[in-house]
Amino acid sequence: MTIDQIRTLYDAQPFQPFVIHLADGRQIPVEHREFMARAPSGRTVTVYGTDDAAHIIDLLLVTDLEVRPTKNGSRRKRRG
């Protein structure tokens, strides 16, 4: 994976939660944009869980990015 692929999901409007899949089988959920920080080098990201646990992820170990559907299963509707 590249930092550009992570950045695309991070910058999406509206933000959609996603899961980072790692080579060792772990799955790290990114629930909110504010829960992730990118290293200036672009080699690692730090993801914080809702329990304040921190995961420092080497992007060379990321095998997949999975976008989660919204909780109600659809996009937000605009009011006209």
PDB file of N, CA and C in Angstrom:
ATOM      1  N   MET A   1       0.845  -1.183   0.000  1.00  0.00           N
ATOM      2  CA  MET A   1       0.000   0.000   0.000  1.00  0.00           C
ATOM      3  C   MET A   1       0.889   1.244   0.000  1.00  0.00           C
ATOM      4  N   THR A   2       0.328   2.312  -0.492  1.00  0.00           N
ATOM      5  CA  THR A   2       1.067   3.577  -0.481  1.00  0.00           C
ATOM      6  C   THR A   2       0.325   4.586   0.379  1.00  0.00           C
ATOM      7  N   ILE A   3       1.034   5.609   0.793  1.00  0.00           N
ATOM      8  CA  ILE A   3       0.411   6.660   1.591  1.00  0.00           C
ATOM      9  C   ILE A   3      -0.700   7.339   0.786  1.00  0.00           C
ATOM     10  N   ASP A   4      -0.576   7.374  -0.543  1.00  0.00           N
ATOM     11  CA  ASP A   4      -1.621   7.995  -1.367  1.00  0.00           C
ATOM     12  C   ASP A   4      -2.934   7.231  -1.275  1.00  0.00           C
ATOM     13  N   GLN A   5      -2.869   5.899  -1.202  1.00  0.00           N
ATOM     14  CA  GLN A   5      -4.091   5.108  -1.071  1.00  0.00           C
ATOM     15  C   GLN A   5      -4.761   5.338   0.283  1.00  0.00           C
ATOM     16  N   ILE A   6      -3.962   5.431   1.326  1.00  0.00           N
ATOM     17  CA  ILE A   6      -4.501   5.744   2.659  1.00  0.00           C
ATOM     18  C   ILE A   6      -5.059   7.166   2.668  1.00  0.00           C
ATOM     19  N   ARG A   7      -4.325   8.095   2.066  1.00  0.00           N
ATOM     20  CA  ARG A   7      -4.740   9.497   2.047  1.00  0.00           C
ATOM     21  C   ARG A   7      -6.086   9.667   1.344  1.00  0.00           C
ATOM     22  N   THR A   8      -6.322   8.909   0.284  1.00  0.00           N
ATOM     23  CA  THR A   8      -7.599   8.992  -0.427  1.00  0.00           C
ATOM     24  C   THR A   8      -8.762   8.662   0.504  1.00  0.00           C
ATOM     25  N   LEU A   9      -8.623   7.603   1.288  1.00  0.00           N
ATOM     26  CA  LEU A   9      -9.681   7.251   2.240  1.00  0.00           C
ATOM     27  C   LEU A   9      -9.766   8.262   3.381  1.00  0.00           C
ATOM     28  N   TYR A  10      -8.624   8.722   3.859  1.00  0.00           N
ATOM     29  CA  TYR A  10      -8.567   9.692   4.951  1.00  0.00           C
ATOM     30  C   TYR A  10      -9.256  11.001   4.568  1.00  0.00           C
ATOM     31  N   ASP A  11      -9.055  11.443   3.328  1.00  0.00           N
ATOM     32  CA  ASP A  11      -9.586  12.732   2.873  1.00  0.00           C
ATOM     33  C   ASP A  11     -10.988  12.656   2.282  1.00  0.00           C
ATOM     34  N   ALA A  12     -11.573  11.468   2.190  1.00  0.00           N
ATOM     35  CA  ALA A  12     -12.892  11.312   1.565  1.00  0.00           C
ATOM     36  C   ALA A  12     -13.937  12.189   2.257  1.00  0.00           C
ATOM     37  N   GLN A  13     -14.808  12.768   1.446  1.00  0.00           N
ATOM     38  CA  GLN A  13     -15.902  13.606   1.956  1.00  0.00           C
ATOM     39  C   GLN A  13     -17.220  13.029   1.493  1.00  0.00           C
ATOM     40  N   PRO A  14     -18.090  12.572   2.351  1.00  0.00           N
ATOM     41  CA  PRO A  14     -17.890  12.469   3.799  1.00  0.00           C
ATOM     42  C   PRO A  14     -16.980  11.293   4.132  1.00  0.00           C
ATOM     43  N   PHE A  15     -16.358  11.375   5.295  1.00  0.00           N
ATOM     44  CA  PHE A  15     -15.482  10.306   5.745  1.00  0.00           C
ATOM     45  C   PHE A  15     -16.288   9.035   5.966  1.00  0.00           C
ATOM     46  N   GLN A  16     -15.741   7.902   5.524  1.00  0.00           N
ATOM     47  CA  GLN A  16     -16.343   6.600   5.792  1.00  0.00           C
ATOM     48  C   GLN A  16     -15.333   5.766   6.562  1.00  0.00           C
ATOM     49  N   PRO A  17     -15.755   5.140   7.656  1.00  0.00           N
ATOM     50  CA  PRO A  17     -14.824   4.286   8.396  1.00  0.00           C
ATOM     51  C   PRO A  17     -14.246   3.213   7.467  1.00  0.00           C
ATOM     52  N   PHE A  18     -13.008   2.820   7.745  1.00  0.00           N
ATOM     53  CA  PHE A  18     -12.379   1.770   6.951  1.00  0.00           C
ATOM     54  C   PHE A  18     -11.514   0.894   7.835  1.00  0.00           C
ATOM     55  N   VAL A  19     -11.127  -0.256   7.303  1.00  0.00           N
ATOM     56  CA  VAL A  19     -10.316  -1.221   8.042  1.00  0.00           C
ATOM     57  C   VAL A  19      -9.011  -1.421   7.285  1.00  0.00           C
ATOM     58  N   ILE A  20      -7.904  -1.393   8.017  1.00  0.00           N
ATOM     59  CA  ILE A  20      -6.591  -1.673   7.463  1.00  0.00           C
ATOM     60  C   ILE A  20      -6.270  -3.129   7.770  1.00  0.00           C
ATOM     61  N   HIS A  21      -6.066  -3.937   6.728  1.00  0.00           N
ATOM     62  CA  HIS A  21      -5.720  -5.351   6.884  1.00  0.00           C
ATOM     63  C   HIS A  21      -4.205  -5.493   6.782  1.00  0.00           C
ATOM     64  N   LEU A  22      -3.619  -6.227   7.731  1.00  0.00           N
ATOM     65  CA  LEU A  22      -2.169  -6.396   7.784  1.00  0.00           C
ATOM     66  C   LEU A  22      -1.763  -7.804   7.386  1.00  0.00           C
ATOM     67  N   ALA A  23      -0.503  -7.957   6.992  1.00  0.00           N
ATOM     68  CA  ALA A  23       0.021  -9.237   6.528  1.00  0.00           C
ATOM     69  C   ALA A  23      -0.065 -10.329   7.592  1.00  0.00           C
ATOM     70  N   ASP A  24      -0.041  -9.961   8.872  1.00  0.00           N
ATOM     71  CA  ASP A  24      -0.113 -10.962   9.942  1.00  0.00           C
ATOM     72  C   ASP A  24      -1.547 -11.341  10.306  1.00  0.00           C
ATOM     73  N   GLY A  25      -2.522 -10.825   9.549  1.00  0.00           N
ATOM     74  CA  GLY A  25      -3.919 -11.168   9.774  1.00  0.00           C
ATOM     75  C   GLY A  25      -4.689 -10.190  10.641  1.00  0.00           C
ATOM     76  N   ARG A  26      -3.991  -9.257  11.276  1.00  0.00           N
ATOM     77  CA  ARG A  26      -4.709  -8.275  12.098  1.00  0.00           C
ATOM     78  C   ARG A  26      -5.528  -7.340  11.221  1.00  0.00           C
ATOM     79  N   GLN A  27      -6.600  -6.826  11.811  1.00  0.00           N
ATOM     80  CA  GLN A  27      -7.451  -5.846  11.148  1.00  0.00           C
ATOM     81  C   GLN A  27      -7.571  -4.650  12.082  1.00  0.00           C
ATOM     82  N   ILE A  28      -7.174  -3.476  11.596  1.00  0.00           N
ATOM     83  CA  ILE A  28      -7.183  -2.268  12.406  1.00  0.00           C
ATOM     84  C   ILE A  28      -8.270  -1.337  11.875  1.00  0.00           C
ATOM     85  N   PRO A  29      -9.346  -1.117  12.635  1.00  0.00           N
ATOM     86  CA  PRO A  29     -10.397  -0.214  12.166  1.00  0.00           C
ATOM     87  C   PRO A  29     -10.004   1.254  12.366  1.00  0.00           C
ATOM     88  N   VAL A  30     -10.350   2.083  11.398  1.00  0.00           N
ATOM     89  CA  VAL A  30     -10.187   3.535  11.505  1.00  0.00           C
ATOM     90  C   VAL A  30     -11.606   4.098  11.555  1.00  0.00           C
ATOM     91  N   GLU A  31     -12.075   4.402  12.762  1.00  0.00           N
ATOM     92  CA  GLU A  31     -13.462   4.804  12.971  1.00  0.00           C
ATOM     93  C   GLU A  31     -13.736   6.260  12.589  1.00  0.00           C
ATOM     94  N   HIS A  32     -12.741   7.124  12.829  1.00  0.00           N
ATOM     95  CA  HIS A  32     -12.882   8.552  12.541  1.00  0.00           C
ATOM     96  C   HIS A  32     -11.553   9.073  12.008  1.00  0.00           C
ATOM     97  N   ARG A  33     -11.614  10.110  11.207  1.00  0.00           N
ATOM     98  CA  ARG A  33     -10.411  10.736  10.643  1.00  0.00           C
ATOM     99  C   ARG A  33      -9.454  11.165  11.759  1.00  0.00           C
ATOM    100  N   GLU A  34     -10.022  11.652  12.855  1.00  0.00           N
ATOM    101  CA  GLU A  34      -9.206  12.165  13.964  1.00  0.00           C
ATOM    102  C   GLU A  34      -8.430  11.064  14.681  1.00  0.00           C
ATOM    103  N   PHE A  35      -8.741   9.801  14.401  1.00  0.00           N
ATOM    104  CA  PHE A  35      -8.083   8.697  15.085  1.00  0.00           C
ATOM    105  C   PHE A  35      -6.846   8.204  14.339  1.00  0.00           C
ATOM    106  N   MET A  36      -6.433   8.896  13.274  1.00  0.00           N
ATOM    107  CA  MET A  36      -5.284   8.459  12.495  1.00  0.00           C
ATOM    108  C   MET A  36      -4.321   9.626  12.271  1.00  0.00           C
ATOM    109  N   ALA A  37      -3.021   9.333  12.391  1.00  0.00           N
ATOM    110  CA  ALA A  37      -1.985  10.319  12.120  1.00  0.00           C
ATOM    111  C   ALA A  37      -0.983   9.712  11.146  1.00  0.00           C
ATOM    112  N   ARG A  38      -0.561  10.509  10.173  1.00  0.00           N
ATOM    113  CA  ARG A  38       0.406  10.048   9.182  1.00  0.00           C
ATOM    114  C   ARG A  38       1.791  10.589   9.509  1.00  0.00           C
ATOM    115  N   ALA A  39       2.805   9.750   9.371  1.00  0.00           N
ATOM    116  CA  ALA A  39       4.179  10.196   9.581  1.00  0.00           C
ATOM    117  C   ALA A  39       4.597  11.057   8.396  1.00  0.00           C
ATOM    118  N   PRO A  40       5.396  12.086   8.621  1.00  0.00           N
ATOM    119  CA  PRO A  40       5.844  12.933   7.507  1.00  0.00           C
ATOM    120  C   PRO A  40       6.574  12.150   6.411  1.00  0.00           C
ATOM    121  N   SER A  41       7.244  11.076   6.775  1.00  0.00           N
ATOM    122  CA  SER A  41       7.974  10.283   5.782  1.00  0.00           C
ATOM    123  C   SER A  41       7.040   9.504   4.866  1.00  0.00           C
ATOM    124  N   GLY A  42       5.803   9.266   5.306  1.00  0.00           N
ATOM    125  CA  GLY A  42       4.857   8.484   4.521  1.00  0.00           C
ATOM    126  C   GLY A  42       5.032   6.991   4.685  1.00  0.00           C
ATOM    127  N   ARG A  43       5.905   6.560   5.550  1.00  0.00           N
ATOM    128  CA  ARG A  43       6.173   5.126   5.738  1.00  0.00           C
ATOM    129  C   ARG A  43       5.228   4.485   6.750  1.00  0.00           C
ATOM    130  N   THR A  44       4.797   5.239   7.756  1.00  0.00           N
ATOM    131  CA  THR A  44       3.946   4.682   8.804  1.00  0.00           C
ATOM    132  C   THR A  44       2.736   5.575   9.067  1.00  0.00           C
ATOM    133  N   VAL A  45       1.715   4.954   9.630  1.00  0.00           N
ATOM    134  CA  VAL A  45       0.564   5.682  10.165  1.00  0.00           C
ATOM    135  C   VAL A  45       0.334   5.167  11.577  1.00  0.00           C
ATOM    136  N   THR A  46      -0.204   6.010  12.424  1.00  0.00           N
ATOM    137  CA  THR A  46      -0.606   5.612  13.767  1.00  0.00           C
ATOM    138  C   THR A  46      -2.118   5.693  13.831  1.00  0.00           C
ATOM    139  N   VAL A  47      -2.741   4.608  14.273  1.00  0.00           N
ATOM    140  CA  VAL A  47      -4.194   4.557  14.387  1.00  0.00           C
ATOM    141  C   VAL A  47      -4.533   4.343  15.852  1.00  0.00           C
ATOM    142  N   TYR A  48      -5.415   5.185  16.374  1.00  0.00           N
ATOM    143  CA  TYR A  48      -5.874   5.067  17.749  1.00  0.00           C
ATOM    144  C   TYR A  48      -7.239   4.410  17.758  1.00  0.00           C
ATOM    145  N   GLY A  49      -7.429   3.470  18.688  1.00  0.00           N
ATOM    146  CA  GLY A  49      -8.721   2.817  18.842  1.00  0.00           C
ATOM    147  C   GLY A  49      -9.602   3.612  19.784  1.00  0.00           C
ATOM    148  N   THR A  50     -10.853   3.216  19.880  1.00  0.00           N
ATOM    149  CA  THR A  50     -11.779   3.895  20.789  1.00  0.00           C
ATOM    150  C   THR A  50     -11.389   3.678  22.241  1.00  0.00           C
ATOM    151  N   ASP A  51     -10.534   2.685  22.508  1.00  0.00           N
ATOM    152  CA  ASP A  51     -10.043   2.422  23.868  1.00  0.00           C
ATOM    153  C   ASP A  51      -8.693   3.092  24.141  1.00  0.00           C
ATOM    154  N   ASP A  52      -8.275   4.018  23.257  1.00  0.00           N
ATOM    155  CA  ASP A  52      -7.006   4.753  23.349  1.00  0.00           C
ATOM    156  C   ASP A  52      -5.777   3.905  23.039  1.00  0.00           C
ATOM    157  N   ALA A  53      -5.955   2.671  22.592  1.00  0.00           N
ATOM    158  CA  ALA A  53      -4.811   1.861  22.159  1.00  0.00           C
ATOM    159  C   ALA A  53      -4.248   2.461  20.873  1.00  0.00           C
ATOM    160  N   ALA A  54      -2.927   2.469  20.759  1.00  0.00           N
ATOM    161  CA  ALA A  54      -2.280   3.022  19.569  1.00  0.00           C
ATOM    162  C   ALA A  54      -1.630   1.898  18.768  1.00  0.00           C
ATOM    163  N   HIS A  55      -1.820   1.931  17.454  1.00  0.00           N
ATOM    164  CA  HIS A  55      -1.227   0.955  16.547  1.00  0.00           C
ATOM    165  C   HIS A  55      -0.354   1.724  15.555  1.00  0.00           C
ATOM    166  N   ILE A  56       0.948   1.469  15.574  1.00  0.00           N
ATOM    167  CA  ILE A  56       1.855   2.079  14.606  1.00  0.00           C
ATOM    168  C   ILE A  56       2.024   1.071  13.481  1.00  0.00           C
ATOM    169  N   ILE A  57       1.611   1.462  12.276  1.00  0.00           N
ATOM    170  CA  ILE A  57       1.531   0.534  11.156  1.00  0.00           C
ATOM    171  C   ILE A  57       2.522   0.916  10.071  1.00  0.00           C
ATOM    172  N   ASP A  58       3.376  -0.030   9.724  1.00  0.00           N
ATOM    173  CA  ASP A  58       4.287   0.128   8.594  1.00  0.00           C
ATOM    174  C   ASP A  58       3.469  -0.173   7.332  1.00  0.00           C
ATOM    175  N   LEU A  59       3.390   0.776   6.423  1.00  0.00           N
ATOM    176  CA  LEU A  59       2.537   0.605   5.249  1.00  0.00           C
ATOM    177  C   LEU A  59       2.993  -0.523   4.330  1.00  0.00           C
ATOM    178  N   LEU A  60       4.229  -0.970   4.476  1.00  0.00           N
ATOM    179  CA  LEU A  60       4.691  -2.112   3.687  1.00  0.00           C
ATOM    180  C   LEU A  60       4.013  -3.412   4.125  1.00  0.00           C
ATOM    181  N   LEU A  61       3.402  -3.410   5.314  1.00  0.00           N
ATOM    182  CA  LEU A  61       2.736  -4.602   5.836  1.00  0.00           C
ATOM    183  C   LEU A  61       1.227  -4.586   5.606  1.00  0.00           C
ATOM    184  N   VAL A  62       0.724  -3.547   4.957  1.00  0.00           N
ATOM    185  CA  VAL A  62      -0.717  -3.449   4.692  1.00  0.00           C
ATOM    186  C   VAL A  62      -1.027  -4.243   3.423  1.00  0.00           C
ATOM    187  N   THR A  63      -2.016  -5.145   3.526  1.00  0.00           N
ATOM    188  CA  THR A  63      -2.388  -5.976   2.385  1.00  0.00           C
ATOM    189  C   THR A  63      -3.672  -5.516   1.709  1.00  0.00           C
ATOM    190  N   ASP A  64      -4.536  -4.807   2.469  1.00  0.00           N
ATOM    191  CA  ASP A  64      -5.832  -4.417   1.913  1.00  0.00           C
ATOM    192  C   ASP A  64      -6.413  -3.280   2.729  1.00  0.00           C
ATOM    193  N   LEU A  65      -7.238  -2.485   2.081  1.00  0.00           N
ATOM    194  CA  LEU A  65      -8.029  -1.445   2.737  1.00  0.00           C
ATOM    195  C   LEU A  65      -9.485  -1.731   2.439  1.00  0.00           C
ATOM    196  N   GLU A  66     -10.290  -1.817   3.465  1.00  0.00           N
ATOM    197  CA  GLU A  66     -11.703  -2.174   3.312  1.00  0.00           C
ATOM    198  C   GLU A  66     -12.570  -1.031   3.824  1.00  0.00           C
ATOM    199  N   VAL A  67     -13.380  -0.469   2.947  1.00  0.00           N
ATOM    200  CA  VAL A  67     -14.285   0.611   3.346  1.00  0.00           C
ATOM    201  C   VAL A  67     -15.537  -0.018   3.936  1.00  0.00           C
ATOM    202  N   ARG A  68     -15.909   0.452   5.108  1.00  0.00           N
ATOM    203  CA  ARG A  68     -17.100  -0.068   5.767  1.00  0.00           C
ATOM    204  C   ARG A  68     -18.332   0.680   5.279  1.00  0.00           C
ATOM    205  N   PRO A  69     -19.457  -0.025   5.147  1.00  0.00           N
ATOM    206  CA  PRO A  69     -20.699   0.677   4.794  1.00  0.00           C
ATOM    207  C   PRO A  69     -21.151   1.531   5.973  1.00  0.00           C
ATOM    208  N   THR A  70     -21.971   2.535   5.675  1.00  0.00           N
ATOM    209  CA  THR A  70     -22.509   3.348   6.761  1.00  0.00           C
ATOM    210  C   THR A  70     -23.407   2.490   7.629  1.00  0.00           C
ATOM    211  N   LYS A  71     -23.660   2.921   8.853  1.00  0.00           N
ATOM    212  CA  LYS A  71     -24.421   2.104   9.798  1.00  0.00           C
ATOM    213  C   LYS A  71     -25.823   1.783   9.312  1.00  0.00           C
ATOM    214  N   ASN A  72     -26.455   2.695   8.567  1.00  0.00           N
ATOM    215  CA  ASN A  72     -27.806   2.426   8.077  1.00  0.00           C
ATOM    216  C   ASN A  72     -27.788   1.774   6.698  1.00  0.00           C
ATOM    217  N   GLY A  73     -26.578   1.482   6.177  1.00  0.00           N
ATOM    218  CA  GLY A  73     -26.472   0.767   4.911  1.00  0.00           C
ATOM    219  C   GLY A  73     -26.629   1.620   3.675  1.00  0.00           C
ATOM    220  N   SER A  74     -26.754   2.919   3.828  1.00  0.00           N
ATOM    221  CA  SER A  74     -26.902   3.796   2.670  1.00  0.00           C
ATOM    222  C   SER A  74     -26.154   5.090   2.902  1.00  0.00           C
ATOM    223  N   ARG A  75     -26.079   5.874   1.836  1.00  0.00           N
ATOM    224  CA  ARG A  75     -25.441   7.189   1.957  1.00  0.00           C
ATOM    225  C   ARG A  75     -26.376   8.155   2.665  1.00  0.00           C
ATOM    226  N   ARG A  76     -25.789   9.221   3.176  1.00  0.00           N
ATOM    227  CA  ARG A  76     -26.619  10.265   3.776  1.00  0.00           C
ATOM    228  C   ARG A  76     -27.436  10.947   2.691  1.00  0.00           C
ATOM    229  N   LYS A  77     -28.644  11.265   3.037  1.00  0.00           N
ATOM    230  CA  LYS A  77     -29.512  11.934   2.066  1.00  0.00           C
ATOM    231  C   LYS A  77     -29.417  13.435   2.261  1.00  0.00           C
ATOM    232  N   ARG A  78     -29.444  14.148   1.140  1.00  0.00           N
ATOM    233  CA  ARG A  78     -29.459  15.613   1.201  1.00  0.00           C
ATOM    234  C   ARG A  78     -30.896  16.074   1.316  1.00  0.00           C
ATOM    235  N   ARG A  79     -31.063  17.136   2.048  1.00  0.00           N
ATOM    236  CA  ARG A  79     -32.403  17.744   2.120  1.00  0.00           C
ATOM    237  C   ARG A  79     -32.457  18.868   1.103  1.00  0.00           C
ATOM    238  N   GLY A  80     -33.520  18.885   0.390  1.00  0.00           N
ATOM    239  CA  GLY A  80     -33.618  19.893  -0.674  1.00  0.00           C
ATOM    240  C   GLY A  80     -34.522  21.025  -0.392  1.00  0.00           C
TER     241      GLY A  80
END
